[in-house]
Amino acid sequence: FKDLAVQTDPRWRERALGHWQGCLYKEVKDEMDAADWTSPQ
């Protein structure tokens, strides 16, 4: 709509969530809470 090019920057990505990626939040909530949102595998 603006006739502008998009500049991509991977630094604006979402957090990499390792083995939690693709899971329903409710399936891994307890594990996430126990890990206190430290790095997943």
Full PDB file with SEQRES, HELIX, SHEET, SSBOND, CRYST1, ORIGX, SCALE, CONECT and MASTER records, all heavy atoms in Angstrom:
SEQRES   1 A   41  PHE LYS ASP LEU ALA VAL GLN THR ASP PRO ARG TRP ARG          
SEQRES   2 A   41  GLU ARG ALA LEU GLY HIS TRP GLN GLY CYS LEU TYR LYS          
SEQRES   3 A   41  GLU VAL LYS ASP GLU MET ASP ALA ALA ASP TRP THR SER          
SEQRES   4 A   41  PRO GLN                                                      
HELIX    1 AA1 PRO A   10  TRP A   12  5                                   3    
HELIX    2 AA2 GLY A   18  TRP A   20  5                                   3    
HELIX    3 AA3 TYR A   25  ALA A   35  1                                  11    
CRYST1    1.000    1.000    1.000  90.00  90.00  90.00 P 1           1          
ORIGX1      1.000000  0.000000  0.000000        0.00000                         
ORIGX2      0.000000  1.000000  0.000000        0.00000                         
ORIGX3      0.000000  0.000000  1.000000        0.00000                         
SCALE1      1.000000  0.000000  0.000000        0.00000                         
SCALE2      0.000000  1.000000  0.000000        0.00000                         
SCALE3      0.000000  0.000000  1.000000        0.00000                         
ATOM      1  N   PHE A   1       0.826  -1.211   0.000  1.00  0.00           N  
ATOM      2  CA  PHE A   1       0.000   0.000   0.000  1.00  0.00           C  
ATOM      3  C   PHE A   1       0.859   1.259   0.000  1.00  0.00           C  
ATOM      4  O   PHE A   1       0.346   2.351  -0.232  1.00  0.00           O  
ATOM      5  CB  PHE A   1      -0.909   0.011   1.237  1.00  0.00           C  
ATOM      6  CG  PHE A   1      -2.122  -0.854   1.127  1.00  0.00           C  
ATOM      7  CD1 PHE A   1      -2.022  -2.241   1.090  1.00  0.00           C  
ATOM      8  CD2 PHE A   1      -3.391  -0.290   1.085  1.00  0.00           C  
ATOM      9  CE1 PHE A   1      -3.148  -3.045   1.014  1.00  0.00           C  
ATOM     10  CE2 PHE A   1      -4.526  -1.084   1.002  1.00  0.00           C  
ATOM     11  CZ  PHE A   1      -4.411  -2.470   0.959  1.00  0.00           C  
ATOM     12  N   LYS A   2       2.156   1.112   0.311  1.00  0.00           N  
ATOM     13  CA  LYS A   2       3.034   2.266   0.479  1.00  0.00           C  
ATOM     14  C   LYS A   2       4.106   2.363  -0.592  1.00  0.00           C  
ATOM     15  O   LYS A   2       4.869   3.333  -0.625  1.00  0.00           O  
ATOM     16  CB  LYS A   2       3.726   2.183   1.852  1.00  0.00           C  
ATOM     17  CG  LYS A   2       2.803   2.391   3.035  1.00  0.00           C  
ATOM     18  CD  LYS A   2       2.356   3.832   3.117  1.00  0.00           C  
ATOM     19  CE  LYS A   2       1.589   4.118   4.386  1.00  0.00           C  
ATOM     20  NZ  LYS A   2       1.147   5.520   4.468  1.00  0.00           N  
ATOM     21  N   ASP A   3       4.209   1.377  -1.456  1.00  0.00           N  
ATOM     22  CA  ASP A   3       5.276   1.339  -2.457  1.00  0.00           C  
ATOM     23  C   ASP A   3       6.649   1.435  -1.805  1.00  0.00           C  
ATOM     24  O   ASP A   3       7.525   2.184  -2.236  1.00  0.00           O  
ATOM     25  CB  ASP A   3       5.095   2.459  -3.491  1.00  0.00           C  
ATOM     26  CG  ASP A   3       5.938   2.221  -4.748  1.00  0.00           C  
ATOM     27  OD1 ASP A   3       6.235   1.052  -5.040  1.00  0.00           O  
ATOM     28  OD2 ASP A   3       6.288   3.211  -5.419  1.00  0.00           O  
ATOM     29  N   LEU A   4       6.826   0.662  -0.731  1.00  0.00           N  
ATOM     30  CA  LEU A   4       8.092   0.590  -0.023  1.00  0.00           C  
ATOM     31  C   LEU A   4       8.601  -0.848  -0.028  1.00  0.00           C  
ATOM     32  O   LEU A   4       7.810  -1.791  -0.067  1.00  0.00           O  
ATOM     33  CB  LEU A   4       7.936   1.046   1.438  1.00  0.00           C  
ATOM     34  CG  LEU A   4       7.687   2.528   1.697  1.00  0.00           C  
ATOM     35  CD1 LEU A   4       7.305   2.736   3.167  1.00  0.00           C  
ATOM     36  CD2 LEU A   4       8.923   3.361   1.353  1.00  0.00           C  
ATOM     37  N   ALA A   5       9.912  -1.013   0.025  1.00  0.00           N  
ATOM     38  CA  ALA A   5      10.501  -2.342   0.161  1.00  0.00           C  
ATOM     39  C   ALA A   5      10.598  -2.694   1.646  1.00  0.00           C  
ATOM     40  O   ALA A   5      10.759  -1.811   2.491  1.00  0.00           O  
ATOM     41  CB  ALA A   5      11.887  -2.371  -0.475  1.00  0.00           C  
ATOM     42  N   VAL A   6      10.481  -3.978   1.954  1.00  0.00           N  
ATOM     43  CA  VAL A   6      10.610  -4.446   3.334  1.00  0.00           C  
ATOM     44  C   VAL A   6      12.065  -4.799   3.615  1.00  0.00           C  
ATOM     45  O   VAL A   6      12.680  -5.575   2.884  1.00  0.00           O  
ATOM     46  CB  VAL A   6       9.715  -5.669   3.593  1.00  0.00           C  
ATOM     47  CG1 VAL A   6       9.957  -6.230   4.990  1.00  0.00           C  
ATOM     48  CG2 VAL A   6       8.256  -5.313   3.403  1.00  0.00           C  
ATOM     49  N   GLN A   7      12.613  -4.226   4.665  1.00  0.00           N  
ATOM     50  CA  GLN A   7      13.962  -4.562   5.122  1.00  0.00           C  
ATOM     51  C   GLN A   7      13.840  -5.584   6.252  1.00  0.00           C  
ATOM     52  O   GLN A   7      13.201  -5.302   7.261  1.00  0.00           O  
ATOM     53  CB  GLN A   7      14.677  -3.307   5.632  1.00  0.00           C  
ATOM     54  CG  GLN A   7      14.717  -2.160   4.647  1.00  0.00           C  
ATOM     55  CD  GLN A   7      15.282  -0.893   5.259  1.00  0.00           C  
ATOM     56  OE1 GLN A   7      16.245  -0.929   6.019  1.00  0.00           O  
ATOM     57  NE2 GLN A   7      14.684   0.249   4.928  1.00  0.00           N  
ATOM     58  N   THR A   8      14.417  -6.761   6.087  1.00  0.00           N  
ATOM     59  CA  THR A   8      14.306  -7.782   7.125  1.00  0.00           C  
ATOM     60  C   THR A   8      15.502  -7.739   8.065  1.00  0.00           C  
ATOM     61  O   THR A   8      16.628  -7.452   7.661  1.00  0.00           O  
ATOM     62  CB  THR A   8      14.173  -9.188   6.522  1.00  0.00           C  
ATOM     63  OG1 THR A   8      15.293  -9.459   5.680  1.00  0.00           O  
ATOM     64  CG2 THR A   8      12.888  -9.320   5.728  1.00  0.00           C  
ATOM     65  N   ASP A   9      15.233  -8.025   9.316  1.00  0.00           N  
ATOM     66  CA  ASP A   9      16.266  -8.058  10.348  1.00  0.00           C  
ATOM     67  C   ASP A   9      15.924  -9.191  11.309  1.00  0.00           C  
ATOM     68  O   ASP A   9      14.930  -9.106  12.045  1.00  0.00           O  
ATOM     69  CB  ASP A   9      16.315  -6.720  11.086  1.00  0.00           C  
ATOM     70  CG  ASP A   9      17.450  -6.631  12.100  1.00  0.00           C  
ATOM     71  OD1 ASP A   9      17.976  -7.690  12.502  1.00  0.00           O  
ATOM     72  OD2 ASP A   9      17.810  -5.504  12.494  1.00  0.00           O  
ATOM     73  N   PRO A  10      16.705 -10.274  11.325  1.00  0.00           N  
ATOM     74  CA  PRO A  10      16.373 -11.426  12.171  1.00  0.00           C  
ATOM     75  C   PRO A  10      16.407 -11.121  13.661  1.00  0.00           C  
ATOM     76  O   PRO A  10      15.904 -11.914  14.463  1.00  0.00           O  
ATOM     77  CB  PRO A  10      17.425 -12.467  11.782  1.00  0.00           C  
ATOM     78  CG  PRO A  10      18.549 -11.685  11.190  1.00  0.00           C  
ATOM     79  CD  PRO A  10      17.911 -10.520  10.508  1.00  0.00           C  
ATOM     80  N   ARG A  11      16.976  -9.982  14.042  1.00  0.00           N  
ATOM     81  CA  ARG A  11      17.002  -9.637  15.471  1.00  0.00           C  
ATOM     82  C   ARG A  11      15.602  -9.359  16.020  1.00  0.00           C  
ATOM     83  O   ARG A  11      15.391  -9.407  17.231  1.00  0.00           O  
ATOM     84  CB  ARG A  11      17.908  -8.426  15.707  1.00  0.00           C  
ATOM     85  CG  ARG A  11      19.389  -8.717  15.460  1.00  0.00           C  
ATOM     86  CD  ARG A  11      20.237  -7.481  15.673  1.00  0.00           C  
ATOM     87  NE  ARG A  11      19.898  -6.429  14.704  1.00  0.00           N  
ATOM     88  CZ  ARG A  11      20.440  -5.205  14.724  1.00  0.00           C  
ATOM     89  NH1 ARG A  11      21.313  -4.881  15.673  1.00  0.00           N  
ATOM     90  NH2 ARG A  11      20.100  -4.313  13.805  1.00  0.00           N  
ATOM     91  N   TRP A  12      14.624  -9.103  15.131  1.00  0.00           N  
ATOM     92  CA  TRP A  12      13.253  -8.868  15.575  1.00  0.00           C  
ATOM     93  C   TRP A  12      12.452 -10.158  15.686  1.00  0.00           C  
ATOM     94  O   TRP A  12      11.242 -10.131  15.956  1.00  0.00           O  
ATOM     95  CB  TRP A  12      12.550  -7.897  14.621  1.00  0.00           C  
ATOM     96  CG  TRP A  12      13.043  -6.494  14.760  1.00  0.00           C  
ATOM     97  CD1 TRP A  12      13.866  -5.817  13.909  1.00  0.00           C  
ATOM     98  CD2 TRP A  12      12.757  -5.585  15.837  1.00  0.00           C  
ATOM     99  NE1 TRP A  12      14.110  -4.546  14.386  1.00  0.00           N  
ATOM    100  CE2 TRP A  12      13.444  -4.376  15.561  1.00  0.00           C  
ATOM    101  CE3 TRP A  12      11.983  -5.679  16.998  1.00  0.00           C  
ATOM    102  CZ2 TRP A  12      13.369  -3.270  16.413  1.00  0.00           C  
ATOM    103  CZ3 TRP A  12      11.914  -4.585  17.842  1.00  0.00           C  
ATOM    104  CH2 TRP A  12      12.599  -3.400  17.549  1.00  0.00           C  
ATOM    105  N   ARG A  13      13.100 -11.314  15.513  1.00  0.00           N  
ATOM    106  CA  ARG A  13      12.400 -12.601  15.619  1.00  0.00           C  
ATOM    107  C   ARG A  13      11.824 -12.844  17.010  1.00  0.00           C  
ATOM    108  O   ARG A  13      12.253 -12.268  18.003  1.00  0.00           O  
ATOM    109  CB  ARG A  13      13.364 -13.749  15.326  1.00  0.00           C  
ATOM    110  CG  ARG A  13      13.671 -13.984  13.865  1.00  0.00           C  
ATOM    111  CD  ARG A  13      14.523 -15.230  13.718  1.00  0.00           C  
ATOM    112  NE  ARG A  13      14.697 -15.608  12.328  1.00  0.00           N  
ATOM    113  CZ  ARG A  13      15.005 -16.833  11.928  1.00  0.00           C  
ATOM    114  NH1 ARG A  13      15.171 -17.795  12.831  1.00  0.00           N  
ATOM    115  NH2 ARG A  13      15.134 -17.103  10.643  1.00  0.00           N  
ATOM    116  N   GLU A  14      10.859 -13.762  17.031  1.00  0.00           N  
ATOM    117  CA  GLU A  14      10.345 -14.302  18.287  1.00  0.00           C  
ATOM    118  C   GLU A  14      11.467 -15.090  18.965  1.00  0.00           C  
ATOM    119  O   GLU A  14      12.495 -15.414  18.351  1.00  0.00           O  
ATOM    120  CB  GLU A  14       9.135 -15.199  17.995  1.00  0.00           C  
ATOM    121  CG  GLU A  14       8.435 -15.789  19.203  1.00  0.00           C  
ATOM    122  CD  GLU A  14       7.935 -14.738  20.165  1.00  0.00           C  
ATOM    123  OE1 GLU A  14       8.743 -14.313  21.029  1.00  0.00           O  
ATOM    124  OE2 GLU A  14       6.759 -14.354  20.085  1.00  0.00           O  
ATOM    125  N   ARG A  15      11.268 -15.405  20.213  1.00  0.00           N  
ATOM    126  CA  ARG A  15      12.238 -16.228  20.938  1.00  0.00           C  
ATOM    127  C   ARG A  15      12.263 -17.645  20.373  1.00  0.00           C  
ATOM    128  O   ARG A  15      11.215 -18.217  20.066  1.00  0.00           O  
ATOM    129  CB  ARG A  15      11.868 -16.273  22.417  1.00  0.00           C  
ATOM    130  CG  ARG A  15      12.866 -17.045  23.269  1.00  0.00           C  
ATOM    131  CD  ARG A  15      12.420 -17.046  24.708  1.00  0.00           C  
ATOM    132  NE  ARG A  15      13.221 -17.979  25.478  1.00  0.00           N  
ATOM    133  CZ  ARG A  15      12.830 -18.520  26.630  1.00  0.00           C  
ATOM    134  NH1 ARG A  15      11.654 -18.213  27.133  1.00  0.00           N  
ATOM    135  NH2 ARG A  15      13.610 -19.369  27.275  1.00  0.00           N  
ATOM    136  N   ALA A  16      13.450 -18.197  20.214  1.00  0.00           N  
ATOM    137  CA  ALA A  16      13.589 -19.602  19.825  1.00  0.00           C  
ATOM    138  C   ALA A  16      13.218 -20.470  21.030  1.00  0.00           C  
ATOM    139  O   ALA A  16      13.814 -20.343  22.099  1.00  0.00           O  
ATOM    140  CB  ALA A  16      15.019 -19.887  19.382  1.00  0.00           C  
ATOM    141  N   LEU A  17      12.227 -21.346  20.843  1.00  0.00           N  
ATOM    142  CA  LEU A  17      11.676 -22.099  21.968  1.00  0.00           C  
ATOM    143  C   LEU A  17      12.032 -23.580  21.949  1.00  0.00           C  
ATOM    144  O   LEU A  17      11.428 -24.374  22.688  1.00  0.00           O  
ATOM    145  CB  LEU A  17      10.153 -21.923  22.006  1.00  0.00           C  
ATOM    146  CG  LEU A  17       9.695 -20.504  22.375  1.00  0.00           C  
ATOM    147  CD1 LEU A  17       8.183 -20.388  22.225  1.00  0.00           C  
ATOM    148  CD2 LEU A  17      10.120 -20.149  23.798  1.00  0.00           C  
ATOM    149  N   GLY A  18      12.986 -23.958  21.126  1.00  0.00           N  
ATOM    150  CA  GLY A  18      13.492 -25.328  21.172  1.00  0.00           C  
ATOM    151  C   GLY A  18      12.402 -26.369  21.059  1.00  0.00           C  
ATOM    152  O   GLY A  18      11.541 -26.296  20.190  1.00  0.00           O  
ATOM    153  N   HIS A  19      12.422 -27.344  21.974  1.00  0.00           N  
ATOM    154  CA  HIS A  19      11.477 -28.466  21.866  1.00  0.00           C  
ATOM    155  C   HIS A  19      10.049 -28.088  22.233  1.00  0.00           C  
ATOM    156  O   HIS A  19       9.136 -28.897  22.068  1.00  0.00           O  
ATOM    157  CB  HIS A  19      11.965 -29.654  22.715  1.00  0.00           C  
ATOM    158  CG  HIS A  19      11.843 -29.438  24.197  1.00  0.00           C  
ATOM    159  ND1 HIS A  19      12.717 -28.655  24.914  1.00  0.00           N  
ATOM    160  CD2 HIS A  19      10.942 -29.918  25.095  1.00  0.00           C  
ATOM    161  CE1 HIS A  19      12.368 -28.659  26.191  1.00  0.00           C  
ATOM    162  NE2 HIS A  19      11.297 -29.417  26.332  1.00  0.00           N  
ATOM    163  N   TRP A  20       9.826 -26.861  22.717  1.00  0.00           N  
ATOM    164  CA  TRP A  20       8.452 -26.406  22.960  1.00  0.00           C  
ATOM    165  C   TRP A  20       7.770 -25.949  21.669  1.00  0.00           C  
ATOM    166  O   TRP A  20       6.540 -25.845  21.628  1.00  0.00           O  
ATOM    167  CB  TRP A  20       8.451 -25.252  23.954  1.00  0.00           C  
ATOM    168  CG  TRP A  20       8.863 -25.623  25.349  1.00  0.00           C  
ATOM    169  CD1 TRP A  20       8.773 -26.851  25.930  1.00  0.00           C  
ATOM    170  CD2 TRP A  20       9.416 -24.750  26.332  1.00  0.00           C  
ATOM    171  NE1 TRP A  20       9.241 -26.811  27.218  1.00  0.00           N  
ATOM    172  CE2 TRP A  20       9.649 -25.521  27.502  1.00  0.00           C  
ATOM    173  CE3 TRP A  20       9.737 -23.398  26.357  1.00  0.00           C  
ATOM    174  CZ2 TRP A  20      10.180 -24.976  28.662  1.00  0.00           C  
ATOM    175  CZ3 TRP A  20      10.270 -22.847  27.522  1.00  0.00           C  
ATOM    176  CH2 TRP A  20      10.489 -23.630  28.654  1.00  0.00           C  
ATOM    177  N   GLN A  21       8.522 -25.644  20.642  1.00  0.00           N  
ATOM    178  CA  GLN A  21       7.943 -25.133  19.408  1.00  0.00           C  
ATOM    179  C   GLN A  21       7.005 -26.158  18.782  1.00  0.00           C  
ATOM    180  O   GLN A  21       7.336 -27.335  18.660  1.00  0.00           O  
ATOM    181  CB  GLN A  21       9.053 -24.754  18.414  1.00  0.00           C  
ATOM    182  CG  GLN A  21       9.864 -23.569  18.886  1.00  0.00           C  
ATOM    183  CD  GLN A  21      10.948 -23.129  17.934  1.00  0.00           C  
ATOM    184  OE1 GLN A  21      11.500 -22.053  18.085  1.00  0.00           O  
ATOM    185  NE2 GLN A  21      11.311 -23.931  16.949  1.00  0.00           N  
ATOM    186  N   GLY A  22       5.833 -25.694  18.392  1.00  0.00           N  
ATOM    187  CA  GLY A  22       4.820 -26.566  17.806  1.00  0.00           C  
ATOM    188  C   GLY A  22       3.879 -27.177  18.818  1.00  0.00           C  
ATOM    189  O   GLY A  22       2.846 -27.743  18.438  1.00  0.00           O  
ATOM    190  N   CYS A  23       4.193 -27.061  20.104  1.00  0.00           N  
ATOM    191  CA  CYS A  23       3.331 -27.613  21.151  1.00  0.00           C  
ATOM    192  C   CYS A  23       2.246 -26.614  21.528  1.00  0.00           C  
ATOM    193  O   CYS A  23       2.436 -25.393  21.445  1.00  0.00           O  
ATOM    194  CB  CYS A  23       4.144 -27.935  22.401  1.00  0.00           C  
ATOM    195  SG  CYS A  23       5.393 -29.216  22.194  1.00  0.00           S  
ATOM    196  N   LEU A  24       1.112 -27.130  21.966  1.00  0.00           N  
ATOM    197  CA  LEU A  24       0.102 -26.268  22.565  1.00  0.00           C  
ATOM    198  C   LEU A  24       0.650 -25.719  23.881  1.00  0.00           C  
ATOM    199  O   LEU A  24       1.300 -26.441  24.641  1.00  0.00           O  
ATOM    200  CB  LEU A  24      -1.191 -27.034  22.830  1.00  0.00           C  
ATOM    201  CG  LEU A  24      -1.972 -27.499  21.602  1.00  0.00           C  
ATOM    202  CD1 LEU A  24      -3.106 -28.431  22.016  1.00  0.00           C  
ATOM    203  CD2 LEU A  24      -2.525 -26.298  20.835  1.00  0.00           C  
ATOM    204  N   TYR A  25       0.359 -24.457  24.141  1.00  0.00           N  
ATOM    205  CA  TYR A  25       0.831 -23.840  25.382  1.00  0.00           C  
ATOM    206  C   TYR A  25       0.402 -24.650  26.602  1.00  0.00           C  
ATOM    207  O   TYR A  25       1.193 -24.889  27.516  1.00  0.00           O  
ATOM    208  CB  TYR A  25       0.303 -22.409  25.471  1.00  0.00           C  
ATOM    209  CG  TYR A  25       0.595 -21.723  26.784  1.00  0.00           C  
ATOM    210  CD1 TYR A  25       1.875 -21.262  27.079  1.00  0.00           C  
ATOM    211  CD2 TYR A  25      -0.418 -21.548  27.741  1.00  0.00           C  
ATOM    212  CE1 TYR A  25       2.141 -20.643  28.287  1.00  0.00           C  
ATOM    213  CE2 TYR A  25      -0.152 -20.927  28.947  1.00  0.00           C  
ATOM    214  CZ  TYR A  25       1.126 -20.469  29.221  1.00  0.00           C  
ATOM    215  OH  TYR A  25       1.396 -19.856  30.430  1.00  0.00           O  
ATOM    216  N   LYS A  26      -0.859 -25.118  26.609  1.00  0.00           N  
ATOM    217  CA  LYS A  26      -1.359 -25.843  27.767  1.00  0.00           C  
ATOM    218  C   LYS A  26      -0.644 -27.184  27.963  1.00  0.00           C  
ATOM    219  O   LYS A  26      -0.620 -27.710  29.075  1.00  0.00           O  
ATOM    220  CB  LYS A  26      -2.862 -26.052  27.654  1.00  0.00           C  
ATOM    221  CG  LYS A  26      -3.307 -26.901  26.474  1.00  0.00           C  
ATOM    222  CD  LYS A  26      -4.829 -26.923  26.376  1.00  0.00           C  
ATOM    223  CE  LYS A  26      -5.322 -27.732  25.187  1.00  0.00           C  
ATOM    224  NZ  LYS A  26      -6.798 -27.680  25.060  1.00  0.00           N  
ATOM    225  N   GLU A  27      -0.031 -27.721  26.886  1.00  0.00           N  
ATOM    226  CA  GLU A  27       0.688 -28.995  26.994  1.00  0.00           C  
ATOM    227  C   GLU A  27       2.030 -28.839  27.711  1.00  0.00           C  
ATOM    228  O   GLU A  27       2.516 -29.798  28.315  1.00  0.00           O  
ATOM    229  CB  GLU A  27       0.941 -29.570  25.593  1.00  0.00           C  
ATOM    230  CG  GLU A  27      -0.303 -30.004  24.860  1.00  0.00           C  
ATOM    231  CD  GLU A  27      -0.025 -30.454  23.439  1.00  0.00           C  
ATOM    232  OE1 GLU A  27       1.016 -30.050  22.858  1.00  0.00           O  
ATOM    233  OE2 GLU A  27      -0.860 -31.195  22.879  1.00  0.00           O  
ATOM    234  N   VAL A  28       2.625 -27.664  27.612  1.00  0.00           N  
ATOM    235  CA  VAL A  28       3.972 -27.474  28.171  1.00  0.00           C  
ATOM    236  C   VAL A  28       3.996 -26.412  29.260  1.00  0.00           C  
ATOM    237  O   VAL A  28       5.068 -26.081  29.769  1.00  0.00           O  
ATOM    238  CB  VAL A  28       4.981 -27.115  27.062  1.00  0.00           C  
ATOM    239  CG1 VAL A  28       5.134 -28.276  26.086  1.00  0.00           C  
ATOM    240  CG2 VAL A  28       4.586 -25.843  26.341  1.00  0.00           C  
ATOM    241  N   LYS A  29       2.832 -25.899  29.644  1.00  0.00           N  
ATOM    242  CA  LYS A  29       2.788 -24.815  30.632  1.00  0.00           C  
ATOM    243  C   LYS A  29       3.496 -25.194  31.921  1.00  0.00           C  
ATOM    244  O   LYS A  29       4.273 -24.414  32.475  1.00  0.00           O  
ATOM    245  CB  LYS A  29       1.346 -24.415  30.923  1.00  0.00           C  
ATOM    246  CG  LYS A  29       1.223 -23.253  31.924  1.00  0.00           C  
ATOM    247  CD  LYS A  29      -0.220 -22.925  32.212  1.00  0.00           C  
ATOM    248  CE  LYS A  29      -0.324 -21.731  33.153  1.00  0.00           C  
ATOM    249  NZ  LYS A  29       0.339 -21.984  34.462  1.00  0.00           N  
ATOM    250  N   ASP A  30       3.215 -26.400  32.438  1.00  0.00           N  
ATOM    251  CA  ASP A  30       3.827 -26.806  33.694  1.00  0.00           C  
ATOM    252  C   ASP A  30       5.345 -26.886  33.563  1.00  0.00           C  
ATOM    253  O   ASP A  30       6.073 -26.469  34.469  1.00  0.00           O  
ATOM    254  CB  ASP A  30       3.271 -28.155  34.157  1.00  0.00           C  
ATOM    255  CG  ASP A  30       1.817 -28.059  34.606  1.00  0.00           C  
ATOM    256  OD1 ASP A  30       1.342 -26.930  34.844  1.00  0.00           O  
ATOM    257  OD2 ASP A  30       1.163 -29.111  34.697  1.00  0.00           O  
ATOM    258  N   GLU A  31       5.814 -27.425  32.445  1.00  0.00           N  
ATOM    259  CA  GLU A  31       7.257 -27.511  32.223  1.00  0.00           C  
ATOM    260  C   GLU A  31       7.855 -26.111  32.115  1.00  0.00           C  
ATOM    261  O   GLU A  31       8.930 -25.839  32.664  1.00  0.00           O  
ATOM    262  CB  GLU A  31       7.547 -28.298  30.949  1.00  0.00           C  
ATOM    263  CG  GLU A  31       9.031 -28.479  30.670  1.00  0.00           C  
ATOM    264  CD  GLU A  31       9.284 -29.204  29.359  1.00  0.00           C  
ATOM    265  OE1 GLU A  31       8.341 -29.767  28.787  1.00  0.00           O  
ATOM    266  OE2 GLU A  31      10.449 -29.185  28.911  1.00  0.00           O  
ATOM    267  N   MET A  32       7.167 -25.209  31.432  1.00  0.00           N  
ATOM    268  CA  MET A  32       7.653 -23.843  31.288  1.00  0.00           C  
ATOM    269  C   MET A  32       7.690 -23.135  32.632  1.00  0.00           C  
ATOM    270  O   MET A  32       8.655 -22.441  32.953  1.00  0.00           O  
ATOM    271  CB  MET A  32       6.759 -23.067  30.309  1.00  0.00           C  
ATOM    272  CG  MET A  32       6.877 -23.559  28.882  1.00  0.00           C  
ATOM    273  SD  MET A  32       5.562 -22.919  27.808  1.00  0.00           S  
ATOM    274  CE  MET A  32       6.023 -21.207  27.729  1.00  0.00           C  
ATOM    275  N   ASP A  33       6.660 -23.338  33.446  1.00  0.00           N  
ATOM    276  CA  ASP A  33       6.623 -22.707  34.767  1.00  0.00           C  
ATOM    277  C   ASP A  33       7.733 -23.254  35.660  1.00  0.00           C  
ATOM    278  O   ASP A  33       8.379 -22.505  36.406  1.00  0.00           O  
ATOM    279  CB  ASP A  33       5.267 -22.951  35.435  1.00  0.00           C  
ATOM    280  CG  ASP A  33       4.144 -22.173  34.774  1.00  0.00           C  
ATOM    281  OD1 ASP A  33       4.441 -21.237  34.002  1.00  0.00           O  
ATOM    282  OD2 ASP A  33       2.966 -22.511  35.023  1.00  0.00           O  
ATOM    283  N   ALA A  34       7.968 -24.557  35.578  1.00  0.00           N  
ATOM    284  CA  ALA A  34       9.011 -25.168  36.393  1.00  0.00           C  
ATOM    285  C   ALA A  34      10.395 -24.670  35.989  1.00  0.00           C  
ATOM    286  O   ALA A  34      11.282 -24.498  36.828  1.00  0.00           O  
ATOM    287  CB  ALA A  34       8.946 -26.694  36.270  1.00  0.00           C  
ATOM    288  N   ALA A  35      10.556 -24.427  34.685  1.00  0.00           N  
ATOM    289  CA  ALA A  35      11.841 -23.938  34.194  1.00  0.00           C  
ATOM    290  C   ALA A  35      11.986 -22.436  34.389  1.00  0.00           C  
ATOM    291  O   ALA A  35      13.055 -21.882  34.162  1.00  0.00           O  
ATOM    292  CB  ALA A  35      11.975 -24.262  32.701  1.00  0.00           C  
ATOM    293  N   ASP A  36      10.883 -21.778  34.826  1.00  0.00           N  
ATOM    294  CA  ASP A  36      10.875 -20.329  35.015  1.00  0.00           C  
ATOM    295  C   ASP A  36      11.340 -19.612  33.752  1.00  0.00           C  
ATOM    296  O   ASP A  36      12.036 -18.614  33.792  1.00  0.00           O  
ATOM    297  CB  ASP A  36      11.741 -19.936  36.215  1.00  0.00           C  
ATOM    298  CG  ASP A  36      11.471 -18.503  36.654  1.00  0.00           C  
ATOM    299  OD1 ASP A  36      10.334 -18.017  36.431  1.00  0.00           O  
ATOM    300  OD2 ASP A  36      12.400 -17.869  37.189  1.00  0.00           O  
ATOM    301  N   TRP A  37      10.950 -20.154  32.613  1.00  0.00           N  
ATOM    302  CA  TRP A  37      11.272 -19.564  31.306  1.00  0.00           C  
ATOM    303  C   TRP A  37      12.766 -19.462  31.048  1.00  0.00           C  
ATOM    304  O   TRP A  37      13.240 -18.591  30.325  1.00  0.00           O  
ATOM    305  CB  TRP A  37      10.596 -18.198  31.135  1.00  0.00           C  
ATOM    306  CG  TRP A  37       9.175 -18.356  30.751  1.00  0.00           C  
ATOM    307  CD1 TRP A  37       8.115 -18.492  31.588  1.00  0.00           C  
ATOM    308  CD2 TRP A  37       8.642 -18.455  29.433  1.00  0.00           C  
ATOM    309  NE1 TRP A  37       6.960 -18.653  30.885  1.00  0.00           N  
ATOM    310  CE2 TRP A  37       7.251 -18.630  29.559  1.00  0.00           C  
ATOM    311  CE3 TRP A  37       9.206 -18.400  28.167  1.00  0.00           C  
ATOM    312  CZ2 TRP A  37       6.429 -18.761  28.454  1.00  0.00           C  
ATOM    313  CZ3 TRP A  37       8.380 -18.528  27.062  1.00  0.00           C  
ATOM    314  CH2 TRP A  37       7.008 -18.712  27.225  1.00  0.00           C  
ATOM    315  N   THR A  38      13.541 -20.356  31.656  1.00  0.00           N  
ATOM    316  CA  THR A  38      14.938 -20.453  31.260  1.00  0.00           C  
ATOM    317  C   THR A  38      14.986 -21.161  29.914  1.00  0.00           C  
ATOM    318  O   THR A  38      13.967 -21.545  29.367  1.00  0.00           O  
ATOM    319  CB  THR A  38      15.754 -21.229  32.306  1.00  0.00           C  
ATOM    320  OG1 THR A  38      15.127 -22.495  32.533  1.00  0.00           O  
ATOM    321  CG2 THR A  38      15.835 -20.448  33.612  1.00  0.00           C  
ATOM    322  N   SER A  39      16.169 -21.352  29.371  1.00  0.00           N  
ATOM    323  CA  SER A  39      16.293 -21.863  28.015  1.00  0.00           C  
ATOM    324  C   SER A  39      15.762 -23.292  27.894  1.00  0.00           C  
ATOM    325  O   SER A  39      16.227 -24.196  28.590  1.00  0.00           O  
ATOM    326  CB  SER A  39      17.759 -21.827  27.571  1.00  0.00           C  
ATOM    327  OG  SER A  39      17.888 -22.343  26.271  1.00  0.00           O  
ATOM    328  N   PRO A  40      14.794 -23.531  27.008  1.00  0.00           N  
ATOM    329  CA  PRO A  40      14.374 -24.908  26.748  1.00  0.00           C  
ATOM    330  C   PRO A  40      15.445 -25.620  25.925  1.00  0.00           C  
ATOM    331  O   PRO A  40      16.306 -24.969  25.316  1.00  0.00           O  
ATOM    332  CB  PRO A  40      13.090 -24.732  25.933  1.00  0.00           C  
ATOM    333  CG  PRO A  40      13.283 -23.424  25.240  1.00  0.00           C  
ATOM    334  CD  PRO A  40      14.076 -22.559  26.173  1.00  0.00           C  
ATOM    335  N   GLN A  41      15.391 -26.928  25.893  1.00  0.00           N  
ATOM    336  CA  GLN A  41      16.353 -27.683  25.097  1.00  0.00           C  
ATOM    337  C   GLN A  41      16.319 -27.218  23.645  1.00  0.00           C  
ATOM    338  O   GLN A  41      15.271 -27.217  23.005  1.00  0.00           O  
ATOM    339  CB  GLN A  41      16.035 -29.178  25.180  1.00  0.00           C  
ATOM    340  CG  GLN A  41      17.027 -30.062  24.432  1.00  0.00           C  
ATOM    341  CD  GLN A  41      16.658 -31.537  24.537  1.00  0.00           C  
ATOM    342  OE1 GLN A  41      15.782 -31.909  25.314  1.00  0.00           O  
ATOM    343  NE2 GLN A  41      17.312 -32.364  23.767  1.00  0.00           N  
TER     344      GLN A  41                                                      
MASTER        0    0    0    3    0    0    0    6  343    1    0    4          
END                                                                             
